[in-house]
Amino acid sequence: MEQSEQKLFSALSLCRKAGKLVLGFDAVTDSVYGGKAVLVLLAADASDGTAKRMGRSCEGLVPCRRMPLTQQALCAITYKKVGVYAVTDDNLAILCINSLEHEKEENA
């Protein structure tokens, strides 16, 4: 795992430990419409159909970003394969976004 991926993994782990990570398409959709989600994240290997549906659900409400981490890699945090995540804390969402931005800069 690259350093930038490790930072994002650590940020997501922190979200999970703080109880601020929502898992699964339906639960994430509910948190988006309920105004609780601050950021929606998709695993690298989430299907295109899932990405499109979640993108439509988030449109105009919260940012929806794809991560470089796969569902398998995220199993260490979630204990099950999940492709859709929501962060429900502002500061933790910023930490995740900064990790994603850092990853883009390294690959540029």
PDB file of N, CA and C in Angstrom:
ATOM      1  N   MET A   1       0.850  -1.185   0.000  1.00  0.00           N
ATOM      2  CA  MET A   1       0.000   0.000   0.000  1.00  0.00           C
ATOM      3  C   MET A   1       0.890   1.241   0.000  1.00  0.00           C
ATOM      4  N   GLU A   2       0.588   2.178  -0.909  1.00  0.00           N
ATOM      5  CA  GLU A   2       1.364   3.411  -0.984  1.00  0.00           C
ATOM      6  C   GLU A   2       1.102   4.279   0.237  1.00  0.00           C
ATOM      7  N   GLN A   3       1.974   5.271   0.447  1.00  0.00           N
ATOM      8  CA  GLN A   3       1.845   6.141   1.614  1.00  0.00           C
ATOM      9  C   GLN A   3       0.518   6.901   1.604  1.00  0.00           C
ATOM     10  N   SER A   4       0.114   7.409   0.433  1.00  0.00           N
ATOM     11  CA  SER A   4      -1.138   8.163   0.349  1.00  0.00           C
ATOM     12  C   SER A   4      -2.333   7.255   0.638  1.00  0.00           C
ATOM     13  N   GLU A   5      -2.284   6.014   0.132  1.00  0.00           N
ATOM     14  CA  GLU A   5      -3.353   5.056   0.419  1.00  0.00           C
ATOM     15  C   GLU A   5      -3.380   4.724   1.900  1.00  0.00           C
ATOM     16  N   GLN A   6      -2.203   4.630   2.516  1.00  0.00           N
ATOM     17  CA  GLN A   6      -2.112   4.342   3.946  1.00  0.00           C
ATOM     18  C   GLN A   6      -2.732   5.469   4.766  1.00  0.00           C
ATOM     19  N   LYS A   7      -2.528   6.728   4.328  1.00  0.00           N
ATOM     20  CA  LYS A   7      -3.123   7.870   5.030  1.00  0.00           C
ATOM     21  C   LYS A   7      -4.649   7.808   4.967  1.00  0.00           C
ATOM     22  N   LEU A   8      -5.166   7.493   3.792  1.00  0.00           N
ATOM     23  CA  LEU A   8      -6.615   7.388   3.639  1.00  0.00           C
ATOM     24  C   LEU A   8      -7.148   6.223   4.460  1.00  0.00           C
ATOM     25  N   PHE A   9      -6.452   5.106   4.434  1.00  0.00           N
ATOM     26  CA  PHE A   9      -6.841   3.928   5.211  1.00  0.00           C
ATOM     27  C   PHE A   9      -6.894   4.280   6.702  1.00  0.00           C
ATOM     28  N   SER A  10      -5.886   4.993   7.171  1.00  0.00           N
ATOM     29  CA  SER A  10      -5.839   5.410   8.583  1.00  0.00           C
ATOM     30  C   SER A  10      -6.980   6.364   8.920  1.00  0.00           C
ATOM     31  N   ALA A  11      -7.271   7.284   7.996  1.00  0.00           N
ATOM     32  CA  ALA A  11      -8.376   8.228   8.217  1.00  0.00           C
ATOM     33  C   ALA A  11      -9.710   7.487   8.311  1.00  0.00           C
ATOM     34  N   LEU A  12      -9.916   6.506   7.422  1.00  0.00           N
ATOM     35  CA  LEU A  12     -11.156   5.726   7.453  1.00  0.00           C
ATOM     36  C   LEU A  12     -11.241   4.878   8.722  1.00  0.00           C
ATOM     37  N   SER A  13     -10.111   4.355   9.148  1.00  0.00           N
ATOM     38  CA  SER A  13     -10.070   3.578  10.386  1.00  0.00           C
ATOM     39  C   SER A  13     -10.465   4.449  11.572  1.00  0.00           C
ATOM     40  N   LEU A  14      -9.987   5.677  11.577  1.00  0.00           N
ATOM     41  CA  LEU A  14     -10.337   6.627  12.629  1.00  0.00           C
ATOM     42  C   LEU A  14     -11.839   6.932  12.602  1.00  0.00           C
ATOM     43  N   CYS A  15     -12.391   7.107  11.405  1.00  0.00           N
ATOM     44  CA  CYS A  15     -13.837   7.334  11.252  1.00  0.00           C
ATOM     45  C   CYS A  15     -14.623   6.165  11.853  1.00  0.00           C
ATOM     46  N   ARG A  16     -14.188   4.964  11.544  1.00  0.00           N
ATOM     47  CA  ARG A  16     -14.875   3.753  12.034  1.00  0.00           C
ATOM     48  C   ARG A  16     -14.829   3.695  13.563  1.00  0.00           C
ATOM     49  N   LYS A  17     -13.635   3.948  14.124  1.00  0.00           N
ATOM     50  CA  LYS A  17     -13.478   3.893  15.584  1.00  0.00           C
ATOM     51  C   LYS A  17     -14.305   4.964  16.282  1.00  0.00           C
ATOM     52  N   ALA A  18     -14.466   6.109  15.619  1.00  0.00           N
ATOM     53  CA  ALA A  18     -15.240   7.219  16.195  1.00  0.00           C
ATOM     54  C   ALA A  18     -16.752   7.030  15.988  1.00  0.00           C
ATOM     55  N   GLY A  19     -17.123   5.977  15.244  1.00  0.00           N
ATOM     56  CA  GLY A  19     -18.547   5.749  14.978  1.00  0.00           C
ATOM     57  C   GLY A  19     -19.115   6.708  13.949  1.00  0.00           C
ATOM     58  N   LYS A  20     -18.255   7.249  13.101  1.00  0.00           N
ATOM     59  CA  LYS A  20     -18.673   8.250  12.112  1.00  0.00           C
ATOM     60  C   LYS A  20     -18.573   7.735  10.686  1.00  0.00           C
ATOM     61  N   LEU A  21     -18.583   6.400  10.505  1.00  0.00           N
ATOM     62  CA  LEU A  21     -18.503   5.802   9.180  1.00  0.00           C
ATOM     63  C   LEU A  21     -19.742   4.945   8.956  1.00  0.00           C
ATOM     64  N   VAL A  22     -20.505   5.282   7.922  1.00  0.00           N
ATOM     65  CA  VAL A  22     -21.711   4.536   7.558  1.00  0.00           C
ATOM     66  C   VAL A  22     -21.338   3.611   6.402  1.00  0.00           C
ATOM     67  N   LEU A  23     -21.786   2.352   6.471  1.00  0.00           N
ATOM     68  CA  LEU A  23     -21.416   1.343   5.485  1.00  0.00           C
ATOM     69  C   LEU A  23     -22.619   0.853   4.700  1.00  0.00           C
ATOM     70  N   GLY A  24     -22.445   0.680   3.395  1.00  0.00           N
ATOM     71  CA  GLY A  24     -23.477   0.063   2.569  1.00  0.00           C
ATOM     72  C   GLY A  24     -24.345   1.075   1.844  1.00  0.00           C
ATOM     73  N   PHE A  25     -24.781   0.671   0.649  1.00  0.00           N
ATOM     74  CA  PHE A  25     -25.521   1.573  -0.237  1.00  0.00           C
ATOM     75  C   PHE A  25     -26.762   2.168   0.429  1.00  0.00           C
ATOM     76  N   ASP A  26     -27.629   1.318   0.970  1.00  0.00           N
ATOM     77  CA  ASP A  26     -28.891   1.806   1.542  1.00  0.00           C
ATOM     78  C   ASP A  26     -28.674   2.700   2.759  1.00  0.00           C
ATOM     79  N   ALA A  27     -27.774   2.285   3.642  1.00  0.00           N
ATOM     80  CA  ALA A  27     -27.499   3.079   4.847  1.00  0.00           C
ATOM     81  C   ALA A  27     -26.873   4.424   4.480  1.00  0.00           C
ATOM     82  N   VAL A  28     -25.984   4.412   3.477  1.00  0.00           N
ATOM     83  CA  VAL A  28     -25.350   5.656   3.040  1.00  0.00           C
ATOM     84  C   VAL A  28     -26.391   6.573   2.398  1.00  0.00           C
ATOM     85  N   THR A  29     -27.259   6.008   1.553  1.00  0.00           N
ATOM     86  CA  THR A  29     -28.316   6.806   0.923  1.00  0.00           C
ATOM     87  C   THR A  29     -29.203   7.455   1.987  1.00  0.00           C
ATOM     88  N   ASP A  30     -29.569   6.685   3.000  1.00  0.00           N
ATOM     89  CA  ASP A  30     -30.378   7.223   4.096  1.00  0.00           C
ATOM     90  C   ASP A  30     -29.656   8.363   4.817  1.00  0.00           C
ATOM     91  N   SER A  31     -28.339   8.202   5.035  1.00  0.00           N
ATOM     92  CA  SER A  31     -27.600   9.254   5.741  1.00  0.00           C
ATOM     93  C   SER A  31     -27.437  10.498   4.872  1.00  0.00           C
ATOM     94  N   VAL A  32     -27.358  10.321   3.544  1.00  0.00           N
ATOM     95  CA  VAL A  32     -27.286  11.480   2.632  1.00  0.00           C
ATOM     96  C   VAL A  32     -28.600  12.244   2.687  1.00  0.00           C
ATOM     97  N   TYR A  33     -29.721  11.537   2.494  1.00  0.00           N
ATOM     98  CA  TYR A  33     -31.029  12.204   2.498  1.00  0.00           C
ATOM     99  C   TYR A  33     -31.419  12.706   3.875  1.00  0.00           C
ATOM    100  N   GLY A  34     -30.882  12.071   4.922  1.00  0.00           N
ATOM    101  CA  GLY A  34     -31.168  12.503   6.287  1.00  0.00           C
ATOM    102  C   GLY A  34     -30.304  13.670   6.733  1.00  0.00           C
ATOM    103  N   GLY A  35     -29.378  14.095   5.879  1.00  0.00           N
ATOM    104  CA  GLY A  35     -28.535  15.237   6.198  1.00  0.00           C
ATOM    105  C   GLY A  35     -27.377  14.916   7.126  1.00  0.00           C
ATOM    106  N   LYS A  36     -27.114  13.647   7.358  1.00  0.00           N
ATOM    107  CA  LYS A  36     -26.026  13.266   8.262  1.00  0.00           C
ATOM    108  C   LYS A  36     -24.688  13.117   7.543  1.00  0.00           C
ATOM    109  N   ALA A  37     -24.703  12.644   6.297  1.00  0.00           N
ATOM    110  CA  ALA A  37     -23.462  12.414   5.551  1.00  0.00           C
ATOM    111  C   ALA A  37     -22.805  13.732   5.167  1.00  0.00           C
ATOM    112  N   VAL A  38     -21.478  13.778   5.304  1.00  0.00           N
ATOM    113  CA  VAL A  38     -20.701  14.947   4.913  1.00  0.00           C
ATOM    114  C   VAL A  38     -19.915  14.625   3.637  1.00  0.00           C
ATOM    115  N   LEU A  39     -19.549  13.354   3.493  1.00  0.00           N
ATOM    116  CA  LEU A  39     -18.749  12.894   2.367  1.00  0.00           C
ATOM    117  C   LEU A  39     -19.115  11.443   2.069  1.00  0.00           C
ATOM    118  N   VAL A  40     -19.271  11.126   0.788  1.00  0.00           N
ATOM    119  CA  VAL A  40     -19.525   9.744   0.369  1.00  0.00           C
ATOM    120  C   VAL A  40     -18.306   9.256  -0.401  1.00  0.00           C
ATOM    121  N   LEU A  41     -17.872   8.054  -0.066  1.00  0.00           N
ATOM    122  CA  LEU A  41     -16.696   7.463  -0.696  1.00  0.00           C
ATOM    123  C   LEU A  41     -17.054   6.116  -1.305  1.00  0.00           C
ATOM    124  N   LEU A  42     -16.511   5.853  -2.482  1.00  0.00           N
ATOM    125  CA  LEU A  42     -16.729   4.590  -3.168  1.00  0.00           C
ATOM    126  C   LEU A  42     -15.415   3.837  -3.244  1.00  0.00           C
ATOM    127  N   ALA A  43     -15.456   2.531  -3.001  1.00  0.00           N
ATOM    128  CA  ALA A  43     -14.263   1.698  -3.152  1.00  0.00           C
ATOM    129  C   ALA A  43     -13.843   1.706  -4.617  1.00  0.00           C
ATOM    130  N   ALA A  44     -12.568   1.482  -4.865  1.00  0.00           N
ATOM    131  CA  ALA A  44     -12.026   1.501  -6.224  1.00  0.00           C
ATOM    132  C   ALA A  44     -12.736   0.507  -7.129  1.00  0.00           C
ATOM    133  N   ASP A  45     -13.158  -0.623  -6.562  1.00  0.00           N
ATOM    134  CA  ASP A  45     -13.785  -1.670  -7.362  1.00  0.00           C
ATOM    135  C   ASP A  45     -15.308  -1.720  -7.220  1.00  0.00           C
ATOM    136  N   ALA A  46     -15.909  -0.637  -6.716  1.00  0.00           N
ATOM    137  CA  ALA A  46     -17.376  -0.564  -6.698  1.00  0.00           C
ATOM    138  C   ALA A  46     -17.835  -0.509  -8.159  1.00  0.00           C
ATOM    139  N   SER A  47     -18.940  -1.154  -8.462  1.00  0.00           N
ATOM    140  CA  SER A  47     -19.398  -1.229  -9.854  1.00  0.00           C
ATOM    141  C   SER A  47     -19.764   0.149 -10.398  1.00  0.00           C
ATOM    142  N   ASP A  48     -19.699   0.278 -11.724  1.00  0.00           N
ATOM    143  CA  ASP A  48     -20.064   1.545 -12.364  1.00  0.00           C
ATOM    144  C   ASP A  48     -21.522   1.887 -12.096  1.00  0.00           C
ATOM    145  N   GLY A  49     -22.387   0.872 -12.063  1.00  0.00           N
ATOM    146  CA  GLY A  49     -23.807   1.090 -11.773  1.00  0.00           C
ATOM    147  C   GLY A  49     -24.002   1.665 -10.381  1.00  0.00           C
ATOM    148  N   THR A  50     -23.280   1.105  -9.416  1.00  0.00           N
ATOM    149  CA  THR A  50     -23.350   1.609  -8.042  1.00  0.00           C
ATOM    150  C   THR A  50     -22.850   3.044  -7.989  1.00  0.00           C
ATOM    151  N   ALA A  51     -21.750   3.315  -8.682  1.00  0.00           N
ATOM    152  CA  ALA A  51     -21.181   4.665  -8.686  1.00  0.00           C
ATOM    153  C   ALA A  51     -22.159   5.671  -9.286  1.00  0.00           C
ATOM    154  N   LYS A  52     -22.827   5.302 -10.374  1.00  0.00           N
ATOM    155  CA  LYS A  52     -23.796   6.204 -11.009  1.00  0.00           C
ATOM    156  C   LYS A  52     -24.992   6.459 -10.095  1.00  0.00           C
ATOM    157  N   ARG A  53     -25.534   5.382  -9.518  1.00  0.00           N
ATOM    158  CA  ARG A  53     -26.697   5.530  -8.630  1.00  0.00           C
ATOM    159  C   ARG A  53     -26.350   6.375  -7.410  1.00  0.00           C
ATOM    160  N   MET A  54     -25.184   6.132  -6.821  1.00  0.00           N
ATOM    161  CA  MET A  54     -24.788   6.893  -5.641  1.00  0.00           C
ATOM    162  C   MET A  54     -24.496   8.338  -6.024  1.00  0.00           C
ATOM    163  N   GLY A  55     -23.893   8.549  -7.190  1.00  0.00           N
ATOM    164  CA  GLY A  55     -23.625   9.903  -7.670  1.00  0.00           C
ATOM    165  C   GLY A  55     -24.907  10.704  -7.811  1.00  0.00           C
ATOM    166  N   ARG A  56     -25.956  10.056  -8.346  1.00  0.00           N
ATOM    167  CA  ARG A  56     -27.260  10.730  -8.483  1.00  0.00           C
ATOM    168  C   ARG A  56     -27.858  11.033  -7.114  1.00  0.00           C
ATOM    169  N   SER A  57     -27.695  10.112  -6.166  1.00  0.00           N
ATOM    170  CA  SER A  57     -28.230  10.318  -4.812  1.00  0.00           C
ATOM    171  C   SER A  57     -27.537  11.483  -4.107  1.00  0.00           C
ATOM    172  N   CYS A  58     -26.251  11.651  -4.384  1.00  0.00           N
ATOM    173  CA  CYS A  58     -25.465  12.679  -3.697  1.00  0.00           C
ATOM    174  C   CYS A  58     -25.517  14.040  -4.369  1.00  0.00           C
ATOM    175  N   GLU A  59     -25.938  14.068  -5.628  1.00  0.00           N
ATOM    176  CA  GLU A  59     -25.886  15.281  -6.435  1.00  0.00           C
ATOM    177  C   GLU A  59     -26.518  16.470  -5.719  1.00  0.00           C
ATOM    178  N   GLY A  60     -25.727  17.518  -5.556  1.00  0.00           N
ATOM    179  CA  GLY A  60     -26.210  18.733  -4.920  1.00  0.00           C
ATOM    180  C   GLY A  60     -26.302  18.660  -3.404  1.00  0.00           C
ATOM    181  N   LEU A  61     -25.990  17.498  -2.830  1.00  0.00           N
ATOM    182  CA  LEU A  61     -26.101  17.338  -1.378  1.00  0.00           C
ATOM    183  C   LEU A  61     -24.736  17.174  -0.708  1.00  0.00           C
ATOM    184  N   VAL A  62     -23.978  16.189  -1.146  1.00  0.00           N
ATOM    185  CA  VAL A  62     -22.652  15.924  -0.573  1.00  0.00           C
ATOM    186  C   VAL A  62     -21.699  15.476  -1.675  1.00  0.00           C
ATOM    187  N   PRO A  63     -20.390  15.702  -1.488  1.00  0.00           N
ATOM    188  CA  PRO A  63     -19.428  15.212  -2.479  1.00  0.00           C
ATOM    189  C   PRO A  63     -19.367  13.688  -2.474  1.00  0.00           C
ATOM    190  N   CYS A  64     -19.193  13.121  -3.647  1.00  0.00           N
ATOM    191  CA  CYS A  64     -19.088  11.671  -3.805  1.00  0.00           C
ATOM    192  C   CYS A  64     -17.786  11.394  -4.554  1.00  0.00           C
ATOM    193  N   ARG A  65     -16.856  10.707  -3.914  1.00  0.00           N
ATOM    194  CA  ARG A  65     -15.526  10.494  -4.487  1.00  0.00           C
ATOM    195  C   ARG A  65     -15.185   9.011  -4.517  1.00  0.00           C
ATOM    196  N   ARG A  66     -14.407   8.622  -5.522  1.00  0.00           N
ATOM    197  CA  ARG A  66     -13.917   7.247  -5.600  1.00  0.00           C
ATOM    198  C   ARG A  66     -12.538   7.187  -4.944  1.00  0.00           C
ATOM    199  N   MET A  67     -12.324   6.145  -4.143  1.00  0.00           N
ATOM    200  CA  MET A  67     -11.046   5.963  -3.447  1.00  0.00           C
ATOM    201  C   MET A  67     -10.139   5.024  -4.240  1.00  0.00           C
ATOM    202  N   PRO A  68      -8.839   5.069  -3.965  1.00  0.00           N
ATOM    203  CA  PRO A  68      -7.929   4.116  -4.595  1.00  0.00           C
ATOM    204  C   PRO A  68      -7.934   2.751  -3.900  1.00  0.00           C
ATOM    205  N   LEU A  69      -8.635   2.635  -2.776  1.00  0.00           N
ATOM    206  CA  LEU A  69      -8.663   1.392  -2.003  1.00  0.00           C
ATOM    207  C   LEU A  69      -9.785   0.475  -2.476  1.00  0.00           C
ATOM    208  N   THR A  70      -9.494  -0.821  -2.550  1.00  0.00           N
ATOM    209  CA  THR A  70     -10.496  -1.809  -2.965  1.00  0.00           C
ATOM    210  C   THR A  70     -11.318  -2.282  -1.769  1.00  0.00           C
ATOM    211  N   GLN A  71     -12.426  -2.946  -2.066  1.00  0.00           N
ATOM    212  CA  GLN A  71     -13.273  -3.497  -1.012  1.00  0.00           C
ATOM    213  C   GLN A  71     -12.483  -4.492  -0.165  1.00  0.00           C
ATOM    214  N   GLN A  72     -11.643  -5.288  -0.814  1.00  0.00           N
ATOM    215  CA  GLN A  72     -10.843  -6.279  -0.094  1.00  0.00           C
ATOM    216  C   GLN A  72      -9.882  -5.599   0.886  1.00  0.00           C
ATOM    217  N   ALA A  73      -9.222  -4.528   0.436  1.00  0.00           N
ATOM    218  CA  ALA A  73      -8.287  -3.806   1.305  1.00  0.00           C
ATOM    219  C   ALA A  73      -9.017  -3.180   2.497  1.00  0.00           C
ATOM    220  N   LEU A  74     -10.252  -2.740   2.270  1.00  0.00           N
ATOM    221  CA  LEU A  74     -11.031  -2.080   3.319  1.00  0.00           C
ATOM    222  C   LEU A  74     -11.650  -3.069   4.312  1.00  0.00           C
ATOM    223  N   CYS A  75     -11.598  -4.354   4.003  1.00  0.00           N
ATOM    224  CA  CYS A  75     -12.126  -5.376   4.918  1.00  0.00           C
ATOM    225  C   CYS A  75     -11.434  -5.327   6.283  1.00  0.00           C
ATOM    226  N   ALA A  76     -10.197  -4.877   6.319  1.00  0.00           N
ATOM    227  CA  ALA A  76      -9.472  -4.769   7.581  1.00  0.00           C
ATOM    228  C   ALA A  76     -10.151  -3.771   8.533  1.00  0.00           C
ATOM    229  N   ILE A  77     -10.873  -2.816   7.961  1.00  0.00           N
ATOM    230  CA  ILE A  77     -11.588  -1.820   8.767  1.00  0.00           C
ATOM    231  C   ILE A  77     -13.035  -2.262   9.009  1.00  0.00           C
ATOM    232  N   THR A  78     -13.678  -2.736   7.953  1.00  0.00           N
ATOM    233  CA  THR A  78     -15.123  -2.980   7.996  1.00  0.00           C
ATOM    234  C   THR A  78     -15.509  -4.411   8.335  1.00  0.00           C
ATOM    235  N   TYR A  79     -14.577  -5.336   8.194  1.00  0.00           N
ATOM    236  CA  TYR A  79     -14.804  -6.763   8.457  1.00  0.00           C
ATOM    237  C   TYR A  79     -15.759  -7.425   7.474  1.00  0.00           C
ATOM    238  N   LYS A  80     -16.119  -6.716   6.412  1.00  0.00           N
ATOM    239  CA  LYS A  80     -16.933  -7.292   5.332  1.00  0.00           C
ATOM    240  C   LYS A  80     -16.712  -6.451   4.081  1.00  0.00           C
ATOM    241  N   LYS A  81     -16.992  -7.038   2.921  1.00  0.00           N
ATOM    242  CA  LYS A  81     -16.811  -6.301   1.672  1.00  0.00           C
ATOM    243  C   LYS A  81     -17.933  -5.289   1.505  1.00  0.00           C
ATOM    244  N   VAL A  82     -17.552  -4.030   1.428  1.00  0.00           N
ATOM    245  CA  VAL A  82     -18.502  -2.939   1.268  1.00  0.00           C
ATOM    246  C   VAL A  82     -17.922  -1.980   0.228  1.00  0.00           C
ATOM    247  N   GLY A  83     -18.778  -1.499  -0.674  1.00  0.00           N
ATOM    248  CA  GLY A  83     -18.295  -0.613  -1.728  1.00  0.00           C
ATOM    249  C   GLY A  83     -18.628   0.852  -1.533  1.00  0.00           C
ATOM    250  N   VAL A  84     -19.568   1.151  -0.604  1.00  0.00           N
ATOM    251  CA  VAL A  84     -20.033   2.528  -0.428  1.00  0.00           C
ATOM    252  C   VAL A  84     -19.931   2.920   1.050  1.00  0.00           C
ATOM    253  N   TYR A  85     -19.357   4.098   1.280  1.00  0.00           N
ATOM    254  CA  TYR A  85     -19.144   4.580   2.641  1.00  0.00           C
ATOM    255  C   TYR A  85     -19.579   6.035   2.748  1.00  0.00           C
ATOM    256  N   ALA A  86     -20.015   6.432   3.940  1.00  0.00           N
ATOM    257  CA  ALA A  86     -20.300   7.842   4.207  1.00  0.00           C
ATOM    258  C   ALA A  86     -19.597   8.232   5.493  1.00  0.00           C
ATOM    259  N   VAL A  87     -18.989   9.401   5.479  1.00  0.00           N
ATOM    260  CA  VAL A  87     -18.373   9.972   6.675  1.00  0.00           C
ATOM    261  C   VAL A  87     -19.356  11.005   7.212  1.00  0.00           C
ATOM    262  N   THR A  88     -19.649  10.935   8.516  1.00  0.00           N
ATOM    263  CA  THR A  88     -20.681  11.802   9.089  1.00  0.00           C
ATOM    264  C   THR A  88     -20.119  12.877  10.020  1.00  0.00           C
ATOM    265  N   ASP A  89     -18.820  13.111   9.950  1.00  0.00           N
ATOM    266  CA  ASP A  89     -18.193  14.146  10.775  1.00  0.00           C
ATOM    267  C   ASP A  89     -17.405  15.092   9.868  1.00  0.00           C
ATOM    268  N   ASP A  90     -17.595  16.393  10.052  1.00  0.00           N
ATOM    269  CA  ASP A  90     -16.939  17.388   9.193  1.00  0.00           C
ATOM    270  C   ASP A  90     -15.420  17.262   9.192  1.00  0.00           C
ATOM    271  N   ASN A  91     -14.824  17.210  10.379  1.00  0.00           N
ATOM    272  CA  ASN A  91     -13.362  17.177  10.474  1.00  0.00           C
ATOM    273  C   ASN A  91     -12.778  15.886   9.907  1.00  0.00           C
ATOM    274  N   LEU A  92     -13.441  14.767  10.156  1.00  0.00           N
ATOM    275  CA  LEU A  92     -12.965  13.499   9.612  1.00  0.00           C
ATOM    276  C   LEU A  92     -13.130  13.460   8.092  1.00  0.00           C
ATOM    277  N   ALA A  93     -14.182  14.094   7.591  1.00  0.00           N
ATOM    278  CA  ALA A  93     -14.379  14.176   6.138  1.00  0.00           C
ATOM    279  C   ALA A  93     -13.251  14.993   5.503  1.00  0.00           C
ATOM    280  N   ILE A  94     -12.859  16.074   6.143  1.00  0.00           N
ATOM    281  CA  ILE A  94     -11.755  16.897   5.647  1.00  0.00           C
ATOM    282  C   ILE A  94     -10.466  16.084   5.627  1.00  0.00           C
ATOM    283  N   LEU A  95     -10.244  15.303   6.678  1.00  0.00           N
ATOM    284  CA  LEU A  95      -9.063  14.439   6.738  1.00  0.00           C
ATOM    285  C   LEU A  95      -9.050  13.457   5.564  1.00  0.00           C
ATOM    286  N   CYS A  96     -10.194  12.864   5.259  1.00  0.00           N
ATOM    287  CA  CYS A  96     -10.298  11.919   4.138  1.00  0.00           C
ATOM    288  C   CYS A  96     -10.073  12.627   2.798  1.00  0.00           C
ATOM    289  N   ILE A  97     -10.684  13.785   2.618  1.00  0.00           N
ATOM    290  CA  ILE A  97     -10.524  14.533   1.363  1.00  0.00           C
ATOM    291  C   ILE A  97      -9.062  14.938   1.168  1.00  0.00           C
ATOM    292  N   ASN A  98      -8.420  15.389   2.247  1.00  0.00           N
ATOM    293  CA  ASN A  98      -7.010  15.763   2.152  1.00  0.00           C
ATOM    294  C   ASN A  98      -6.152  14.566   1.763  1.00  0.00           C
ATOM    295  N   SER A  99      -6.474  13.389   2.261  1.00  0.00           N
ATOM    296  CA  SER A  99      -5.748  12.172   1.896  1.00  0.00           C
ATOM    297  C   SER A  99      -5.949  11.863   0.420  1.00  0.00           C
ATOM    298  N   LEU A 100      -7.165  12.066  -0.085  1.00  0.00           N
ATOM    299  CA  LEU A 100      -7.444  11.840  -1.504  1.00  0.00           C
ATOM    300  C   LEU A 100      -6.714  12.861  -2.377  1.00  0.00           C
ATOM    301  N   GLU A 101      -6.704  14.117  -1.959  1.00  0.00           N
ATOM    302  CA  GLU A 101      -6.022  15.162  -2.716  1.00  0.00           C
ATOM    303  C   GLU A 101      -4.522  14.892  -2.764  1.00  0.00           C
ATOM    304  N   HIS A 102      -3.971  14.459  -1.643  1.00  0.00           N
ATOM    305  CA  HIS A 102      -2.535  14.152  -1.561  1.00  0.00           C
ATOM    306  C   HIS A 102      -2.194  13.024  -2.529  1.00  0.00           C
ATOM    307  N   GLU A 103      -3.081  12.052  -2.634  1.00  0.00           N
ATOM    308  CA  GLU A 103      -2.872  10.915  -3.527  1.00  0.00           C
ATOM    309  C   GLU A 103      -2.853  11.380  -4.991  1.00  0.00           C
ATOM    310  N   LYS A 104      -3.727  12.319  -5.342  1.00  0.00           N
ATOM    311  CA  LYS A 104      -3.760  12.857  -6.704  1.00  0.00           C
ATOM    312  C   LYS A 104      -2.459  13.581  -7.040  1.00  0.00           C
ATOM    313  N   GLU A 105      -1.954  14.355  -6.079  1.00  0.00           N
ATOM    314  CA  GLU A 105      -0.720  15.108  -6.290  1.00  0.00           C
ATOM    315  C   GLU A 105       0.460  14.179  -6.535  1.00  0.00           C
ATOM    316  N   GLU A 106       0.522  13.067  -5.803  1.00  0.00           N
ATOM    317  CA  GLU A 106       1.619  12.114  -5.973  1.00  0.00           C
ATOM    318  C   GLU A 106       1.592  11.457  -7.340  1.00  0.00           C
ATOM    319  N   ASN A 107       0.413  11.267  -7.894  1.00  0.00           N
ATOM    320  CA  ASN A 107       0.274  10.589  -9.179  1.00  0.00           C
ATOM    321  C   ASN A 107       0.345  11.536 -10.373  1.00  0.00           C
ATOM    322  N   ALA A 108       0.362  12.830 -10.105  1.00  0.00           N
ATOM    323  CA  ALA A 108       0.380  13.821 -11.203  1.00  0.00           C
ATOM    324  C   ALA A 108       1.716  13.866 -11.914  1.00  0.00           C
TER     325      ALA A 108
END
